[in-house]
Structure formats: C-alpha cells, structure tokens
Protein backbone atom coordinates (compact mmCIF):
# COMPACT_ATOMS: atom_id res chain seq x y z
CA UNK A 1 132.48 156.98 134.02
CA UNK A 2 128.80 156.03 134.19
CA UNK A 3 127.25 156.87 137.53
CA UNK A 4 125.61 154.21 139.69
CA UNK A 5 122.19 155.62 140.59
CA UNK A 6 121.23 154.59 144.10
CA UNK A 7 118.72 154.97 146.92
CA UNK A 8 119.53 155.02 150.63
CA UNK A 9 116.70 153.88 152.91
CA UNK A 10 116.88 153.56 156.68
CA UNK A 11 114.40 154.44 159.43
CA UNK A 12 117.17 156.14 161.42
CA UNK A 13 117.96 159.68 160.17
CA UNK A 14 121.55 159.47 161.44
CA UNK A 15 122.11 156.25 159.50
CA UNK A 16 120.75 157.88 156.33
CA UNK A 17 123.04 160.86 156.87
CA UNK A 18 126.07 158.60 157.44
CA UNK A 19 125.53 156.50 154.32
CA UNK A 20 124.79 159.61 152.23
CA UNK A 21 128.08 161.08 153.45
CA UNK A 22 129.90 157.88 152.46
CA UNK A 23 128.22 157.81 149.06
CA UNK A 24 129.13 161.43 148.34
CA UNK A 25 132.80 160.49 148.75
CA UNK A 26 132.60 157.98 145.89
CA UNK A 27 132.58 159.49 142.40
CA UNK A 28 130.86 156.48 140.90
CA UNK A 29 127.74 156.89 143.04
CA UNK A 30 124.83 159.24 142.40
CA UNK A 31 122.33 159.34 145.27
CA UNK A 32 118.89 159.86 143.73
CA UNK A 33 117.09 159.60 147.07
CA UNK A 34 118.21 159.33 150.71
CA UNK A 35 115.26 158.99 153.08
CA UNK A 36 113.63 157.39 156.11
CA UNK A 37 110.30 157.17 154.28
CA UNK A 38 109.75 153.76 152.69
CA UNK A 39 106.67 154.97 150.80
CA UNK A 40 108.73 157.70 149.14
CA UNK A 41 111.03 154.95 147.88
CA UNK A 42 108.09 152.89 146.64
CA UNK A 43 106.72 155.88 144.72
CA UNK A 44 110.08 156.42 143.03
CA UNK A 45 110.62 152.74 142.17
CA UNK A 46 107.17 152.54 140.61
CA UNK A 47 108.32 155.18 138.14
CA UNK A 48 111.86 154.05 137.39
CA UNK A 49 114.46 151.34 137.94
CA UNK A 50 117.68 152.30 139.69
CA UNK A 51 121.01 150.53 139.85
CA UNK A 52 121.34 149.94 143.58
CA UNK A 53 119.36 150.32 146.82
CA UNK A 54 120.96 150.48 150.26
CA UNK A 55 118.18 149.12 152.44
CA UNK A 56 117.63 148.54 156.14
CA UNK A 57 115.71 145.39 157.10
CA UNK A 58 113.82 146.41 160.23
CA UNK A 59 111.59 149.42 159.61
CA UNK A 60 108.32 150.25 161.36
CA UNK A 61 105.86 150.53 158.47
CA UNK A 62 107.23 148.11 155.89
CA UNK A 63 110.25 145.86 156.29
CA UNK A 64 113.19 145.77 153.93
CA UNK A 65 112.29 142.16 153.08
CA UNK A 66 108.79 143.23 152.02
CA UNK A 67 110.15 146.03 149.85
CA UNK A 68 112.64 143.66 148.21
CA UNK A 69 109.78 141.29 147.46
CA UNK A 70 108.02 144.11 145.62
CA UNK A 71 110.98 145.29 143.53
CA UNK A 72 113.34 142.31 143.41
CA UNK A 73 112.93 141.76 139.67
CA UNK A 74 114.51 145.02 138.51
CA UNK A 75 116.74 146.26 141.35
CA UNK A 76 119.87 145.23 143.24
CA UNK A 77 120.25 145.69 146.98
CA UNK A 78 122.94 146.14 149.62
CA UNK A 79 121.40 145.36 153.01
CA UNK A 80 122.39 147.59 155.94
CA UNK A 81 121.23 146.34 159.31
CA UNK A 82 122.13 145.73 162.95
CA UNK A 83 120.73 142.18 162.83
CA UNK A 84 122.86 139.35 161.44
CA UNK A 85 120.00 136.84 161.60
CA UNK A 86 118.39 138.29 158.45
CA UNK A 87 121.37 137.48 156.23
CA UNK A 88 120.15 134.09 155.01
CA UNK A 89 116.60 135.31 154.28
CA UNK A 90 117.79 138.41 152.42
CA UNK A 91 119.85 136.36 149.99
CA UNK A 92 116.63 135.05 148.45
CA UNK A 93 116.61 138.43 146.69
CA UNK A 94 119.03 140.34 144.47
CA UNK A 95 121.28 141.19 147.39
CA UNK A 96 124.88 141.92 146.43
CA UNK A 97 126.22 142.44 149.95
CA UNK A 98 125.14 142.51 153.61
CA UNK A 99 126.56 145.24 155.87
CA UNK A 100 126.24 144.96 159.62
CA UNK A 101 126.01 148.17 161.63
CA UNK A 102 128.05 150.06 162.65
CA UNK A 103 129.15 150.50 159.04
CA UNK A 104 132.59 151.93 158.39
CA UNK A 105 133.52 153.73 155.20
CA UNK A 106 135.92 150.91 154.35
CA UNK A 107 133.11 148.32 154.51
CA UNK A 108 130.82 150.61 152.52
CA UNK A 109 133.46 151.11 149.83
CA UNK A 110 134.13 147.36 149.58
CA UNK A 111 130.39 146.70 149.15
CA UNK A 112 130.13 149.22 146.31
CA UNK A 113 133.22 147.70 144.65
CA UNK A 114 131.63 144.26 144.98
CA UNK A 115 128.53 145.59 143.23
CA UNK A 116 130.50 147.13 140.34
CA UNK A 117 132.48 143.91 139.90
CA UNK A 118 129.25 141.92 139.94
CA UNK A 119 127.44 143.95 137.29
CA UNK A 120 130.56 144.01 135.08
CA UNK A 121 130.71 140.23 135.20
CA UNK A 122 126.98 139.93 134.62
CA UNK A 123 127.22 142.17 131.55
CA UNK A 124 129.96 139.97 130.11
CA UNK A 125 127.92 136.83 130.71
CA UNK A 126 124.72 138.25 129.21
CA UNK A 127 124.12 137.23 125.63
CA UNK A 128 124.58 140.06 123.13
CA UNK A 129 121.62 138.91 121.02
CA UNK A 130 118.03 137.77 121.41
CA UNK A 131 115.49 135.81 119.39
CA UNK A 132 112.12 137.17 118.28
CA UNK A 133 109.33 135.27 116.56
CA UNK A 134 108.62 136.61 113.07
CA UNK A 135 106.19 134.82 110.71
CA UNK A 136 106.43 131.63 112.75
CA UNK A 137 110.23 131.45 112.85
CA UNK A 138 112.79 132.55 115.43
CA UNK A 139 114.92 135.44 114.14
CA UNK A 140 118.15 136.39 115.90
CA UNK A 141 118.79 140.10 116.36
CA UNK A 142 121.43 142.14 118.12
CA UNK A 143 119.86 144.77 120.44
CA UNK A 144 122.58 147.20 119.35
CA UNK A 145 121.06 147.21 115.85
CA UNK A 146 117.63 148.34 117.09
CA UNK A 147 116.79 152.00 116.55
CA UNK A 148 113.34 151.98 118.14
CA UNK A 149 110.40 149.70 118.86
CA UNK A 150 106.84 150.65 118.02
CA UNK A 151 103.78 149.27 119.82
CA UNK A 152 100.94 148.08 117.57
CA UNK A 153 98.17 146.78 119.87
CA UNK A 154 99.05 143.07 120.26
CA UNK A 155 102.18 143.39 118.12
CA UNK A 156 105.36 145.40 118.06
CA UNK A 157 107.39 146.64 115.11
CA UNK A 158 111.16 146.55 115.62
CA UNK A 159 112.93 149.14 113.49
CA UNK A 160 116.44 148.14 112.38
CA UNK A 161 118.55 150.13 109.94
CA UNK A 162 117.42 148.23 106.84
CA UNK A 163 114.59 146.08 108.13
CA UNK A 164 111.28 146.22 110.02
CA UNK A 165 110.25 143.16 112.02
CA UNK A 166 106.65 142.54 113.12
CA UNK A 167 106.67 140.51 116.34
CA UNK A 168 103.83 139.09 118.45
CA UNK A 169 104.67 140.82 121.74
CA UNK A 170 103.94 144.02 123.66
CA UNK A 171 106.14 146.91 124.74
CA UNK A 172 105.74 146.25 128.46
CA UNK A 173 107.10 142.70 128.18
CA UNK A 174 109.61 143.33 125.43
CA UNK A 175 111.49 146.10 127.23
CA UNK A 176 112.36 143.56 129.96
CA UNK A 177 114.24 141.52 127.34
CA UNK A 178 116.45 144.47 126.39
CA UNK A 179 119.60 145.78 128.12
CA UNK A 180 118.10 148.10 130.76
CA UNK A 181 120.75 150.80 130.45
CA UNK A 182 120.53 151.04 126.63
CA UNK A 183 116.81 151.57 126.06
CA UNK A 184 114.14 153.94 127.33
CA UNK A 185 110.40 154.03 126.95
CA UNK A 186 109.59 157.52 125.68
CA UNK A 187 105.92 157.12 124.75
CA UNK A 188 103.10 154.66 125.39
CA UNK A 189 103.82 153.37 121.88
CA UNK A 190 107.60 153.74 121.58
CA UNK A 191 110.88 152.49 123.06
CA UNK A 192 114.12 153.96 121.75
CA UNK A 193 117.75 152.92 121.92
CA UNK A 194 119.59 155.75 123.65
CA UNK A 195 122.79 155.43 121.58
CA UNK A 196 120.81 156.04 118.38
CA UNK A 197 119.56 159.46 119.47
CA UNK A 198 121.01 162.31 117.40
CA UNK A 199 119.04 165.21 118.82
CA UNK A 200 115.96 166.17 120.83
CA UNK A 201 113.78 169.09 119.85
CA UNK A 202 110.58 169.82 121.72
CA UNK A 203 108.48 166.66 121.79
CA UNK A 204 110.50 164.80 119.17
CA UNK A 205 113.61 162.62 119.27
CA UNK A 206 115.60 162.48 116.03
CA UNK A 207 117.71 159.55 114.81
CA UNK A 208 118.99 158.12 111.52
CA UNK A 209 115.60 156.63 110.65
CA UNK A 210 113.68 159.86 111.19
CA UNK A 211 111.92 160.99 114.36
CA UNK A 212 109.96 159.51 117.26
CA UNK A 213 107.55 161.40 119.54
CA UNK A 214 107.96 161.84 123.29
CA UNK A 215 104.78 161.17 125.27
CA UNK A 216 103.64 163.67 127.87
CA UNK A 217 104.01 161.07 130.67
CA UNK A 218 107.63 160.37 129.72
CA UNK A 219 108.93 163.93 129.26
CA UNK A 220 110.40 164.18 132.76
CA UNK A 221 112.31 160.91 132.37
CA UNK A 222 113.79 162.02 129.03
CA UNK A 223 114.68 165.40 130.52
CA UNK A 224 116.38 163.70 133.46
CA UNK A 225 118.38 161.45 131.12
CA UNK A 226 119.55 164.47 129.12
CA UNK A 227 120.40 166.39 132.29
CA UNK A 228 122.65 163.59 133.56
CA UNK A 229 124.74 163.87 130.41
CA UNK A 230 125.19 167.62 130.20
C-alpha cells in the first residue's frame, strides 16, 4: 500500500499532537512534518509536493488561507479549525474536507477516507495520454512509455523505448503535465520515470536505455525516495 505523505500544521501544540496521534493510527498515512511553525511548512513545500496537508485557518503569522493560496496548485488540504465561517472561503482551494474542532478520531478517519476515495476517482478520470508538439504536429504519447526527459535549453528530448521526440517546452513546465507520483526530477537537465529505474549506483540511475546522472541538488530527494521503498 502506497503511503499518503502528509503535513500537520496548527498553531496549538496540543492540536498538532492530537492529529499526529490520530495519523499514526492509520497505516496509510506517513507524517512528514507535524509542526506549529508555518514557515517550516513553507520551506518544505518549496522543495517538494506532498499528498495532503492538515491545516488550521487562524494562525498568528500567516493564515491557512494565505498558505493555501501559495501552494494550492500542487497540494490537497483538509482544513482543521474551530471556526465554521471559513468553510465557504476555503473551498476556493483544493480542500477535500473541513473538520471542525474538537476533532474526534472517527471524523479524522472519515476525512482521510474521503481523500483516498477522491484521489482514486481523480486518477481514473485523468487521461492516460498527452499530446506534445513535434515538428509542427501534435503527437500522442502515453506517459508510461517515457523513460526519461532531457532538458535542452528551450527544448526537451523525450526518450521512449524506440523513439526520441524533440519538443518545444522546458522541464519546469513539462513535469506539471506528467503524473506527479510517477516521475521525479533528478537533475537540472533530467526527469525520470520511477518505474523505469533498474538500479542506482553513486550519482547514476540505470535503466533499459542506459544511465542518467543525479544532480547534487537532487541527491537527497532520490535518497528519500529509495528509503521509503526499502
């Protein structure tokens, strides 16, 4: 079972402790960070996208609404708050559920189940292919057939098993078109499909098409991915 990586953020230490205790009871959840420090959360989210964030609305330095505005594109949220009047405003963002304090374990569990049902449905509804522009025409490709993508200044080269496609795009934008859980940026010039990895040795990732280097900046992320699968 794939773990749901989550953050717990609340300005009340007892609330953080309670939700962390609830999360630890659910095998499907992996708490990456549980904190009262909103800036610690911002620092983490600037480095990686997580599956789910349990977030309080009213916090002294930066509100939950403001944080959701910053990271709404790539993250899902379950709002935890004592104030029902924020419900309508929070649903402008990727909010899966809204939990009013005091939060019981039963309500917490139902919210997590709602999230898993939601992402399962979303995955089914998401198209299994995408179109890329090659030599002026739109070419349909299945992301599952991609081994890795190479950045070439204003272009990218998509490496398939028996074909190389040159596309007018950049790595930063193109990775947002790919299934988030299936691909990882491992170098300033490379994105790799995780299922295609055969082995990792030092600073190199090996696959059926050869090898791809790991950039110094991305070593910790690759190491973390490996560690979660040991």
